[in-house]
PDB file of N, CA and C in Angstrom:
ATOM      1  N   UNK A   1       0.841  -1.175   0.000  1.00  0.00           N
ATOM      2  CA  UNK A   1       0.000   0.000   0.000  1.00  0.00           C
ATOM      3  C   UNK A   1       0.896   1.251   0.000  1.00  0.00           C
ATOM      4  N   UNK A   2       0.838   2.002  -1.069  1.00  0.00           N
ATOM      5  CA  UNK A   2       1.692   3.174  -1.237  1.00  0.00           C
ATOM      6  C   UNK A   2       0.963   4.434  -0.760  1.00  0.00           C
ATOM      7  N   UNK A   3       1.743   5.356  -0.267  1.00  0.00           N
ATOM      8  CA  UNK A   3       1.198   6.643   0.169  1.00  0.00           C
ATOM      9  C   UNK A   3       1.043   7.536  -1.058  1.00  0.00           C
ATOM     10  N   UNK A   4      -0.126   8.136  -1.263  1.00  0.00           N
ATOM     11  CA  UNK A   4      -0.314   8.999  -2.435  1.00  0.00           C
ATOM     12  C   UNK A   4       0.532  10.273  -2.352  1.00  0.00           C
ATOM     13  N   UNK A   5       0.844  10.800  -3.511  1.00  0.00           N
ATOM     14  CA  UNK A   5       1.650  12.009  -3.599  1.00  0.00           C
ATOM     15  C   UNK A   5       0.956  13.190  -2.924  1.00  0.00           C
ATOM     16  N   UNK A   6      -0.355  13.224  -2.984  1.00  0.00           N
ATOM     17  CA  UNK A   6      -1.081  14.355  -2.388  1.00  0.00           C
ATOM     18  C   UNK A   6      -0.889  14.414  -0.876  1.00  0.00           C
ATOM     19  N   UNK A   7      -0.696  13.270  -0.211  1.00  0.00           N
ATOM     20  CA  UNK A   7      -0.444  13.271   1.232  1.00  0.00           C
ATOM     21  C   UNK A   7       0.921  13.895   1.534  1.00  0.00           C
ATOM     22  N   UNK A   8       1.918  13.537   0.742  1.00  0.00           N
ATOM     23  CA  UNK A   8       3.244  14.131   0.912  1.00  0.00           C
ATOM     24  C   UNK A   8       3.180  15.647   0.722  1.00  0.00           C
ATOM     25  N   UNK A   9       2.503  16.071  -0.334  1.00  0.00           N
ATOM     26  CA  UNK A   9       2.440  17.497  -0.631  1.00  0.00           C
ATOM     27  C   UNK A   9       1.621  18.263   0.399  1.00  0.00           C
ATOM     28  N   UNK A  10       0.540  17.657   0.897  1.00  0.00           N
ATOM     29  CA  UNK A  10      -0.258  18.327   1.928  1.00  0.00           C
ATOM     30  C   UNK A  10       0.553  18.517   3.205  1.00  0.00           C
ATOM     31  N   UNK A  11       1.270  17.487   3.614  1.00  0.00           N
ATOM     32  CA  UNK A  11       2.127  17.602   4.795  1.00  0.00           C
ATOM     33  C   UNK A  11       3.217  18.637   4.568  1.00  0.00           C
ATOM     34  N   UNK A  12       3.786  18.653   3.378  1.00  0.00           N
ATOM     35  CA  UNK A  12       4.837  19.604   3.053  1.00  0.00           C
ATOM     36  C   UNK A  12       4.307  21.041   3.094  1.00  0.00           C
ATOM     37  N   UNK A  13       3.133  21.268   2.556  1.00  0.00           N
ATOM     38  CA  UNK A  13       2.546  22.612   2.549  1.00  0.00           C
ATOM     39  C   UNK A  13       2.234  23.072   3.966  1.00  0.00           C
ATOM     40  N   UNK A  14       1.687  22.177   4.788  1.00  0.00           N
ATOM     41  CA  UNK A  14       1.354  22.543   6.163  1.00  0.00           C
ATOM     42  C   UNK A  14       2.623  22.885   6.940  1.00  0.00           C
ATOM     43  N   UNK A  15       3.657  22.056   6.829  1.00  0.00           N
ATOM     44  CA  UNK A  15       4.906  22.343   7.534  1.00  0.00           C
ATOM     45  C   UNK A  15       5.562  23.631   7.047  1.00  0.00           C
ATOM     46  N   UNK A  16       5.543  23.843   5.733  1.00  0.00           N
ATOM     47  CA  UNK A  16       6.147  25.059   5.195  1.00  0.00           C
ATOM     48  C   UNK A  16       5.379  26.289   5.650  1.00  0.00           C
ATOM     49  N   UNK A  17       4.054  26.212   5.655  1.00  0.00           N
ATOM     50  CA  UNK A  17       3.243  27.351   6.101  1.00  0.00           C
ATOM     51  C   UNK A  17       3.478  27.644   7.579  1.00  0.00           C
ATOM     52  N   UNK A  18       3.550  26.604   8.405  1.00  0.00           N
ATOM     53  CA  UNK A  18       3.829  26.815   9.828  1.00  0.00           C
ATOM     54  C   UNK A  18       5.211  27.439  10.029  1.00  0.00           C
ATOM     55  N   UNK A  19       6.187  26.993   9.259  1.00  0.00           N
ATOM     56  CA  UNK A  19       7.521  27.570   9.348  1.00  0.00           C
ATOM     57  C   UNK A  19       7.547  29.021   8.912  1.00  0.00           C
ATOM     58  N   UNK A  20       6.854  29.331   7.825  1.00  0.00           N
ATOM     59  CA  UNK A  20       6.818  30.716   7.340  1.00  0.00           C
ATOM     60  C   UNK A  20       6.100  31.625   8.334  1.00  0.00           C
ATOM     61  N   UNK A  21       5.012  31.146   8.918  1.00  0.00           N
ATOM     62  CA  UNK A  21       4.302  31.930   9.932  1.00  0.00           C
ATOM     63  C   UNK A  21       5.201  32.145  11.143  1.00  0.00           C
ATOM     64  N   UNK A  22       5.935  31.112  11.528  1.00  0.00           N
ATOM     65  CA  UNK A  22       6.843  31.239  12.660  1.00  0.00           C
ATOM     66  C   UNK A  22       7.946  32.247  12.411  1.00  0.00           C
ATOM     67  N   UNK A  23       8.472  32.270  11.189  1.00  0.00           N
ATOM     68  CA  UNK A  23       9.521  33.242  10.860  1.00  0.00           C
ATOM     69  C   UNK A  23       8.969  34.662  10.895  1.00  0.00           C
ATOM     70  N   UNK A  24       7.742  34.840  10.430  1.00  0.00           N
ATOM     71  CA  UNK A  24       7.172  36.178  10.354  1.00  0.00           C
ATOM     72  C   UNK A  24       6.658  36.694  11.694  1.00  0.00           C
ATOM     73  N   UNK A  25       6.200  35.801  12.556  1.00  0.00           N
ATOM     74  CA  UNK A  25       5.557  36.238  13.795  1.00  0.00           C
ATOM     75  C   UNK A  25       6.509  36.244  14.985  1.00  0.00           C
ATOM     76  N   UNK A  26       7.309  35.214  15.132  1.00  0.00           N
ATOM     77  CA  UNK A  26       8.132  35.086  16.338  1.00  0.00           C
ATOM     78  C   UNK A  26       9.280  36.081  16.330  1.00  0.00           C
ATOM     79  N   UNK A  27       9.749  36.449  17.513  1.00  0.00           N
ATOM     80  CA  UNK A  27      10.823  37.424  17.637  1.00  0.00           C
ATOM     81  C   UNK A  27      12.086  36.832  18.242  1.00  0.00           C
ATOM     82  N   UNK A  28      12.044  35.620  18.723  1.00  0.00           N
ATOM     83  CA  UNK A  28      13.233  34.966  19.276  1.00  0.00           C
ATOM     84  C   UNK A  28      14.028  34.378  18.116  1.00  0.00           C
ATOM     85  N   UNK A  29      15.288  34.728  18.027  1.00  0.00           N
ATOM     86  CA  UNK A  29      16.089  34.315  16.871  1.00  0.00           C
ATOM     87  C   UNK A  29      16.291  32.796  16.831  1.00  0.00           C
ATOM     88  N   UNK A  30      16.312  32.140  17.979  1.00  0.00           N
ATOM     89  CA  UNK A  30      16.444  30.681  17.990  1.00  0.00           C
ATOM     90  C   UNK A  30      15.191  30.019  17.422  1.00  0.00           C
ATOM     91  N   UNK A  31      14.022  30.553  17.748  1.00  0.00           N
ATOM     92  CA  UNK A  31      12.772  30.005  17.202  1.00  0.00           C
ATOM     93  C   UNK A  31      12.705  30.269  15.702  1.00  0.00           C
ATOM     94  N   UNK A  32      13.204  31.427  15.277  1.00  0.00           N
ATOM     95  CA  UNK A  32      13.224  31.722  13.839  1.00  0.00           C
ATOM     96  C   UNK A  32      14.114  30.722  13.106  1.00  0.00           C
ATOM     97  N   UNK A  33      15.257  30.388  13.668  1.00  0.00           N
ATOM     98  CA  UNK A  33      16.132  29.381  13.042  1.00  0.00           C
ATOM     99  C   UNK A  33      15.457  28.015  12.995  1.00  0.00           C
ATOM    100  N   UNK A  34      14.728  27.653  14.055  1.00  0.00           N
ATOM    101  CA  UNK A  34      14.008  26.372  14.042  1.00  0.00           C
ATOM    102  C   UNK A  34      12.902  26.370  12.993  1.00  0.00           C
ATOM    103  N   UNK A  35      12.244  27.504  12.792  1.00  0.00           N
ATOM    104  CA  UNK A  35      11.205  27.589  11.769  1.00  0.00           C
ATOM    105  C   UNK A  35      11.801  27.484  10.364  1.00  0.00           C
ATOM    106  N   UNK A  36      12.993  28.045  10.178  1.00  0.00           N
ATOM    107  CA  UNK A  36      13.671  27.889   8.886  1.00  0.00           C
ATOM    108  C   UNK A  36      14.016  26.423   8.646  1.00  0.00           C
ATOM    109  N   UNK A  37      14.445  25.736   9.694  1.00  0.00           N
ATOM    110  CA  UNK A  37      14.715  24.295   9.576  1.00  0.00           C
ATOM    111  C   UNK A  37      13.442  23.530   9.226  1.00  0.00           C
ATOM    112  N   UNK A  38      12.318  23.929   9.813  1.00  0.00           N
ATOM    113  CA  UNK A  38      11.059  23.264   9.506  1.00  0.00           C
ATOM    114  C   UNK A  38      10.674  23.487   8.042  1.00  0.00           C
ATOM    115  N   UNK A  39      10.944  24.676   7.531  1.00  0.00           N
ATOM    116  CA  UNK A  39      10.661  24.944   6.125  1.00  0.00           C
ATOM    117  C   UNK A  39      11.552  24.100   5.217  1.00  0.00           C
ATOM    118  N   UNK A  40      12.812  23.945   5.582  1.00  0.00           N
ATOM    119  CA  UNK A  40      13.702  23.099   4.780  1.00  0.00           C
ATOM    120  C   UNK A  40      13.255  21.635   4.831  1.00  0.00           C
ATOM    121  N   UNK A  41      12.782  21.179   5.979  1.00  0.00           N
ATOM    122  CA  UNK A  41      12.284  19.809   6.068  1.00  0.00           C
ATOM    123  C   UNK A  41      11.004  19.621   5.260  1.00  0.00           C
ATOM    124  N   UNK A  42      10.194  20.656   5.168  1.00  0.00           N
ATOM    125  CA  UNK A  42       9.001  20.579   4.324  1.00  0.00           C
ATOM    126  C   UNK A  42       9.389  20.396   2.858  1.00  0.00           C
ATOM    127  N   UNK A  43      10.410  21.105   2.430  1.00  0.00           N
ATOM    128  CA  UNK A  43      10.899  20.938   1.054  1.00  0.00           C
ATOM    129  C   UNK A  43      11.449  19.523   0.861  1.00  0.00           C
ATOM    130  N   UNK A  44      12.138  19.000   1.871  1.00  0.00           N
ATOM    131  CA  UNK A  44      12.657  17.631   1.786  1.00  0.00           C
ATOM    132  C   UNK A  44      11.529  16.624   1.631  1.00  0.00           C
ATOM    133  N   UNK A  45      10.435  16.811   2.354  1.00  0.00           N
ATOM    134  CA  UNK A  45       9.299  15.898   2.234  1.00  0.00           C
ATOM    135  C   UNK A  45       8.716  15.961   0.829  1.00  0.00           C
ATOM    136  N   UNK A  46       8.633  17.149   0.264  1.00  0.00           N
ATOM    137  CA  UNK A  46       8.129  17.272  -1.111  1.00  0.00           C
ATOM    138  C   UNK A  46       9.064  16.572  -2.095  1.00  0.00           C
ATOM    139  N   UNK A  47      10.378  16.740  -1.924  1.00  0.00           N
ATOM    140  CA  UNK A  47      11.331  16.056  -2.793  1.00  0.00           C
ATOM    141  C   UNK A  47      11.171  14.546  -2.701  1.00  0.00           C
ATOM    142  N   UNK A  48      11.045  14.028  -1.488  1.00  0.00           N
ATOM    143  CA  UNK A  48      10.897  12.583  -1.305  1.00  0.00           C
ATOM    144  C   UNK A  48       9.584  12.098  -1.909  1.00  0.00           C
ATOM    145  N   UNK A  49       8.529  12.884  -1.745  1.00  0.00           N
ATOM    146  CA  UNK A  49       7.245  12.502  -2.335  1.00  0.00           C
ATOM    147  C   UNK A  49       7.299  12.417  -3.843  1.00  0.00           C
ATOM    148  N   UNK A  50       7.923  13.423  -4.463  1.00  0.00           N
ATOM    149  CA  UNK A  50       8.044  13.390  -5.925  1.00  0.00           C
ATOM    150  C   UNK A  50       8.977  12.271  -6.386  1.00  0.00           C
ATOM    151  N   UNK A  51      10.042  12.029  -5.636  1.00  0.00           N
ATOM    152  CA  UNK A  51      10.949  10.941  -6.006  1.00  0.00           C
ATOM    153  C   UNK A  51      10.230   9.596  -5.912  1.00  0.00           C
ATOM    154  N   UNK A  52       9.382   9.451  -4.910  1.00  0.00           N
ATOM    155  CA  UNK A  52       8.632   8.209  -4.759  1.00  0.00           C
ATOM    156  C   UNK A  52       7.584   8.067  -5.855  1.00  0.00           C
ATOM    157  N   UNK A  53       6.910   9.157  -6.200  1.00  0.00           N
ATOM    158  CA  UNK A  53       5.846   9.093  -7.201  1.00  0.00           C
ATOM    159  C   UNK A  53       6.385   8.820  -8.597  1.00  0.00           C
ATOM    160  N   UNK A  54       7.528   9.411  -8.931  1.00  0.00           N
ATOM    161  CA  UNK A  54       8.077   9.262 -10.281  1.00  0.00           C
ATOM    162  C   UNK A  54       9.170   8.208 -10.364  1.00  0.00           C
ATOM    163  N   UNK A  55       9.414   7.482  -9.268  1.00  0.00           N
ATOM    164  CA  UNK A  55      10.425   6.423  -9.229  1.00  0.00           C
ATOM    165  C   UNK A  55      11.778   6.918  -9.727  1.00  0.00           C
ATOM    166  N   UNK A  56      12.176   8.099  -9.232  1.00  0.00           N
ATOM    167  CA  UNK A  56      13.454   8.695  -9.611  1.00  0.00           C
ATOM    168  C   UNK A  56      14.290   8.906  -8.355  1.00  0.00           C
ATOM    169  N   UNK A  57      15.573   8.841  -8.511  1.00  0.00           N
ATOM    170  CA  UNK A  57      16.485   9.017  -7.386  1.00  0.00           C
ATOM    171  C   UNK A  57      16.897  10.478  -7.214  1.00  0.00           C
ATOM    172  N   UNK A  58      16.537  11.330  -8.184  1.00  0.00           N
ATOM    173  CA  UNK A  58      16.961  12.729  -8.159  1.00  0.00           C
ATOM    174  C   UNK A  58      16.472  13.464  -6.917  1.00  0.00           C
ATOM    175  N   UNK A  59      15.236  13.233  -6.525  1.00  0.00           N
ATOM    176  CA  UNK A  59      14.686  13.900  -5.350  1.00  0.00           C
ATOM    177  C   UNK A  59      15.438  13.548  -4.087  1.00  0.00           C
ATOM    178  N   UNK A  60      15.842  12.296  -3.979  1.00  0.00           N
ATOM    179  CA  UNK A  60      16.594  11.875  -2.797  1.00  0.00           C
ATOM    180  C   UNK A  60      17.990  12.484  -2.789  1.00  0.00           C
ATOM    181  N   UNK A  61      18.580  12.683  -3.944  1.00  0.00           N
ATOM    182  CA  UNK A  61      19.884  13.343  -3.998  1.00  0.00           C
ATOM    183  C   UNK A  61      19.765  14.805  -3.590  1.00  0.00           C
ATOM    184  N   UNK A  62      18.692  15.470  -4.012  1.00  0.00           N
ATOM    185  CA  UNK A  62      18.479  16.851  -3.601  1.00  0.00           C
ATOM    186  C   UNK A  62      18.277  16.960  -2.097  1.00  0.00           C
ATOM    187  N   UNK A  63      17.649  15.950  -1.500  1.00  0.00           N
ATOM    188  CA  UNK A  63      17.451  15.956  -0.048  1.00  0.00           C
ATOM    189  C   UNK A  63      18.791  15.964   0.667  1.00  0.00           C
ATOM    190  N   UNK A  64      19.742  15.199   0.193  1.00  0.00           N
ATOM    191  CA  UNK A  64      21.062  15.207   0.824  1.00  0.00           C
ATOM    192  C   UNK A  64      21.734  16.570   0.701  1.00  0.00           C
ATOM    193  N   UNK A  65      21.570  17.232  -0.441  1.00  0.00           N
ATOM    194  CA  UNK A  65      22.129  18.570  -0.598  1.00  0.00           C
ATOM    195  C   UNK A  65      21.446  19.566   0.338  1.00  0.00           C
ATOM    196  N   UNK A  66      20.128  19.487   0.451  1.00  0.00           N
ATOM    197  CA  UNK A  66      19.395  20.388   1.334  1.00  0.00           C
ATOM    198  C   UNK A  66      19.787  20.133   2.787  1.00  0.00           C
ATOM    199  N   UNK A  67      19.979  18.871   3.153  1.00  0.00           N
ATOM    200  CA  UNK A  67      20.403  18.562   4.523  1.00  0.00           C
ATOM    201  C   UNK A  67      21.801  19.115   4.798  1.00  0.00           C
ATOM    202  N   UNK A  68      22.673  19.082   3.812  1.00  0.00           N
ATOM    203  CA  UNK A  68      24.013  19.648   3.968  1.00  0.00           C
ATOM    204  C   UNK A  68      23.950  21.156   4.166  1.00  0.00           C
ATOM    205  N   UNK A  69      23.126  21.816   3.367  1.00  0.00           N
ATOM    206  CA  UNK A  69      22.956  23.261   3.512  1.00  0.00           C
ATOM    207  C   UNK A  69      22.337  23.591   4.864  1.00  0.00           C
ATOM    208  N   UNK A  70      21.389  22.777   5.312  1.00  0.00           N
ATOM    209  CA  UNK A  70      20.745  23.005   6.608  1.00  0.00           C
ATOM    210  C   UNK A  70      21.743  22.841   7.748  1.00  0.00           C
ATOM    211  N   UNK A  71      22.616  21.860   7.653  1.00  0.00           N
ATOM    212  CA  UNK A  71      23.620  21.671   8.702  1.00  0.00           C
ATOM    213  C   UNK A  71      24.587  22.852   8.751  1.00  0.00           C
ATOM    214  N   UNK A  72      24.988  23.348   7.580  1.00  0.00           N
ATOM    215  CA  UNK A  72      25.869  24.515   7.547  1.00  0.00           C
ATOM    216  C   UNK A  72      25.145  25.746   8.076  1.00  0.00           C
ATOM    217  N   UNK A  73      23.871  25.874   7.746  1.00  0.00           N
ATOM    218  CA  UNK A  73      23.084  27.008   8.232  1.00  0.00           C
ATOM    219  C   UNK A  73      22.966  26.979   9.747  1.00  0.00           C
ATOM    220  N   UNK A  74      22.776  25.811  10.311  1.00  0.00           N
ATOM    221  CA  UNK A  74      22.676  25.690  11.766  1.00  0.00           C
ATOM    222  C   UNK A  74      23.998  26.052  12.422  1.00  0.00           C
ATOM    223  N   UNK A  75      25.089  25.574  11.873  1.00  0.00           N
ATOM    224  CA  UNK A  75      26.401  25.856  12.469  1.00  0.00           C
ATOM    225  C   UNK A  75      26.707  27.349  12.429  1.00  0.00           C
ATOM    226  N   UNK A  76      26.511  27.976  11.284  1.00  0.00           N
ATOM    227  CA  UNK A  76      26.800  29.406  11.159  1.00  0.00           C
ATOM    228  C   UNK A  76      25.778  30.225  11.947  1.00  0.00           C
ATOM    229  N   UNK A  77      24.514  29.848  11.865  1.00  0.00           N
ATOM    230  CA  UNK A  77      23.467  30.588  12.564  1.00  0.00           C
ATOM    231  C   UNK A  77      23.638  30.557  14.065  1.00  0.00           C
ATOM    232  N   UNK A  78      23.923  29.399  14.618  1.00  0.00           N
ATOM    233  CA  UNK A  78      24.111  29.320  16.068  1.00  0.00           C
ATOM    234  C   UNK A  78      25.375  30.039  16.510  1.00  0.00           C
ATOM    235  N   UNK A  79      26.418  30.012  15.688  1.00  0.00           N
ATOM    236  CA  UNK A  79      27.622  30.776  16.023  1.00  0.00           C
ATOM    237  C   UNK A  79      27.315  32.271  16.054  1.00  0.00           C
ATOM    238  N   UNK A  80      26.523  32.753  15.105  1.00  0.00           N
ATOM    239  CA  UNK A  80      26.132  34.163  15.106  1.00  0.00           C
ATOM    240  C   UNK A  80      25.256  34.501  16.305  1.00  0.00           C
ATOM    241  N   UNK A  81      24.347  33.599  16.660  1.00  0.00           N
ATOM    242  CA  UNK A  81      23.479  33.842  17.817  1.00  0.00           C
ATOM    243  C   UNK A  81      24.300  33.922  19.096  1.00  0.00           C
ATOM    244  N   UNK A  82      25.257  33.033  19.251  1.00  0.00           N
ATOM    245  CA  UNK A  82      26.107  33.067  20.447  1.00  0.00           C
ATOM    246  C   UNK A  82      26.915  34.362  20.484  1.00  0.00           C
ATOM    247  N   UNK A  83      27.459  34.782  19.353  1.00  0.00           N
ATOM    248  CA  UNK A  83      28.235  36.024  19.316  1.00  0.00           C
ATOM    249  C   UNK A  83      27.358  37.236  19.620  1.00  0.00           C
ATOM    250  N   UNK A  84      26.161  37.262  19.072  1.00  0.00           N
ATOM    251  CA  UNK A  84      25.248  38.375  19.345  1.00  0.00           C
ATOM    252  C   UNK A  84      24.820  38.369  20.805  1.00  0.00           C
ATOM    253  N   UNK A  85      24.558  37.182  21.353  1.00  0.00           N
ATOM    254  CA  UNK A  85      24.140  37.105  22.750  1.00  0.00           C
ATOM    255  C   UNK A  85      25.249  37.570  23.688  1.00  0.00           C
ATOM    256  N   UNK A  86      26.484  37.276  23.352  1.00  0.00           N
ATOM    257  CA  UNK A  86      27.602  37.724  24.183  1.00  0.00           C
ATOM    258  C   UNK A  86      27.735  39.244  24.174  1.00  0.00           C
ATOM    259  N   UNK A  87      27.467  39.865  23.035  1.00  0.00           N
ATOM    260  CA  UNK A  87      27.599  41.319  22.931  1.00  0.00           C
ATOM    261  C   UNK A  87      26.378  42.076  23.451  1.00  0.00           C
ATOM    262  N   UNK A  88      25.192  41.577  23.172  1.00  0.00           N
ATOM    263  CA  UNK A  88      23.959  42.305  23.471  1.00  0.00           C
ATOM    264  C   UNK A  88      23.145  41.722  24.626  1.00  0.00           C
ATOM    265  N   UNK A  89      23.429  40.491  25.055  1.00  0.00           N
ATOM    266  CA  UNK A  89      22.714  39.806  26.140  1.00  0.00           C
ATOM    267  C   UNK A  89      21.226  39.629  25.843  1.00  0.00           C
ATOM    268  N   UNK A  90      20.879  39.479  24.588  1.00  0.00           N
ATOM    269  CA  UNK A  90      19.500  39.210  24.208  1.00  0.00           C
ATOM    270  C   UNK A  90      19.492  38.426  22.897  1.00  0.00           C
ATOM    271  N   UNK A  91      18.437  37.658  22.693  1.00  0.00           N
ATOM    272  CA  UNK A  91      18.271  36.926  21.435  1.00  0.00           C
ATOM    273  C   UNK A  91      16.974  37.321  20.735  1.00  0.00           C
ATOM    274  N   UNK A  92      16.379  38.416  21.156  1.00  0.00           N
ATOM    275  CA  UNK A  92      15.145  38.890  20.539  1.00  0.00           C
ATOM    276  C   UNK A  92      15.469  39.840  19.401  1.00  0.00           C
ATOM    277  N   UNK A  93      14.814  39.630  18.277  1.00  0.00           N
ATOM    278  CA  UNK A  93      15.113  40.386  17.065  1.00  0.00           C
ATOM    279  C   UNK A  93      14.769  41.861  17.241  1.00  0.00           C
ATOM    280  N   UNK A  94      13.719  42.161  18.000  1.00  0.00           N
ATOM    281  CA  UNK A  94      13.309  43.560  18.187  1.00  0.00           C
ATOM    282  C   UNK A  94      14.371  44.361  18.927  1.00  0.00           C
ATOM    283  N   UNK A  95      15.116  43.711  19.810  1.00  0.00           N
ATOM    284  CA  UNK A  95      16.138  44.410  20.596  1.00  0.00           C
ATOM    285  C   UNK A  95      17.466  44.560  19.865  1.00  0.00           C
ATOM    286  N   UNK A  96      17.623  43.884  18.754  1.00  0.00           N
ATOM    287  CA  UNK A  96      18.882  43.931  18.006  1.00  0.00           C
ATOM    288  C   UNK A  96      18.795  44.994  16.919  1.00  0.00           C
ATOM    289  N   UNK A  97      19.620  45.985  17.007  1.00  0.00           N
ATOM    290  CA  UNK A  97      19.708  47.010  15.970  1.00  0.00           C
ATOM    291  C   UNK A  97      21.166  47.217  15.594  1.00  0.00           C
ATOM    292  N   UNK A  98      21.836  46.125  15.310  1.00  0.00           N
ATOM    293  CA  UNK A  98      23.278  46.148  15.052  1.00  0.00           C
ATOM    294  C   UNK A  98      23.617  46.923  13.786  1.00  0.00           C
ATOM    295  N   UNK A  99      22.789  46.838  12.770  1.00  0.00           N
ATOM    296  CA  UNK A  99      23.104  47.463  11.490  1.00  0.00           C
ATOM    297  C   UNK A  99      22.677  48.923  11.413  1.00  0.00           C
ATOM    298  N   UNK A 100      22.030  49.445  12.465  1.00  0.00           N
ATOM    299  CA  UNK A 100      21.632  50.835  12.454  1.00  0.00           C
ATOM    300  C   UNK A 100      22.838  51.712  12.761  1.00  0.00           C
ATOM    301  N   UNK A 101      22.816  52.930  12.256  1.00  0.00           N
ATOM    302  CA  UNK A 101      23.904  53.872  12.479  1.00  0.00           C
ATOM    303  C   UNK A 101      23.791  54.483  13.811  1.00  0.00           C
TER     304      UNK A 101
END
């Protein structure tokens, strides 16, 4: 019994929408990074769904690339968060005005 492509895409759309809402609404930079990760995982689910539906390995290869980019994003993002927290003692986006003159 195979899972239909529409189930993969529905789950992917819901996860991506929740991630996008989280990025737009939340002000904690750590939660924003987690929402970006959720959006990347939603794209991975869509890739896997299409790879399964079309019996192609291309979607699974793209998932590995997206996971690599996500791991690099987490490493760089958390390093920036730690550096900002050390300087400003806050992780809220509203309190950070580093680029202002």
